Amino acid sequence: MLKVENLVVRYGMIEAIKNISFTVNDGEICTLIGANGAGKTTTMHTISGLIKPVSGKILLDDVDITKVPSHKIVSMGLAQVPERRRVFAQETIEENLELGAFTRRDKDGIQEDLRKVYDRFPRLEERKKQLAGTLSGGEQQMLAMGRALMARPKILLMDEPSMGLSPLLVKEIFRIIEEINKQGTTVLLVEQNAKMALAIAHRAYVLETGMITLEGTGEELAKDPRVQSAYLGG
C-alpha cells in the first residue's frame, strides 16, 4: 500500500533522513520505533506532504505522491493523527470531527462516519458541544483519532499516540488502534513506547539518527537483544 524509496530529507545542511526505504502492506500495523531525534516525525510529515524531501519517492497504491500537496494526499486515502494531538482548541468536539471530513462531499456518508466515531468513543458524544481545548489528554487523543477517521482513510498515520497519557489510557489507545486495524484500516505507527508498539505490530522498523538499522516482525524485534537493550529496558 505505502512504499518509501530512498528518502532523503534535509533541514538546511543537516540530513535528518538518510536514504531510507520501507514498505507498509495493505491491512497491517507497521511501526517505526526509535529515540527522540531519530527522524520518526520527520518521516511521517514527509509522507503526509508537509515536508518535501531532497530525493526519493513515496508511493501510495503505486501512485507517486512525493510532490502532491498534503490536502490532496488526504483525499487519496491517507490521514495523520499528529504528535501532541493538535486539536482545534476553540472549536467544539463535533466541529473538530466535521473538519476531519473537509475533503468529502457525501453528506450522508459523513453523518454515518460521525455516528461510527461516537460509537467507538462514547465520551466524545457525551461532550460533543464542549470546546476541544477543555478535554483531558486522553480525550484529546481520542478526538484526534476520530477526526482522522472522518477522512475515511485507507491508511492511518499515528505519531506518538501514547505521549503524555497514563498507563491505563495507553492500554486503551493501543486497544483502539488494533480495533481500527481489524476493521480494515492500515496503520503506520510512530511510537516511543516500543514495548506496546511491537506487541501490536505485524512488522516493525528501528530508526536511528535518520537511518533504518533493523527490521522484522513485531515479535522478532521484541526478542532482538539489541532492541531489548536500547528500547525495552532489557
Foldseek 3Di string as FASTA:
>chain_A
DKWWAQFWADDVPRTQAGGEIDDFDFLFEEEEEEDPSLCPQVVVCQLLQNGATPDTFMADVNHTCRNPHNVVVLLVFEFEQDPQLPFPQAAFLQVLQVVLQVVDDPVVLLVVLVVVLCVLPVVCVVRRRPGLNPDDSLVSLSSSVSSPCSSVHLEYEYEASCPPHDPVSSVVVLVVVLVVSVVGHGYYYYHLLLVSSLVRGQKYFYGGSNYTDDIDGSVVLVPDPVCCVPRVVD
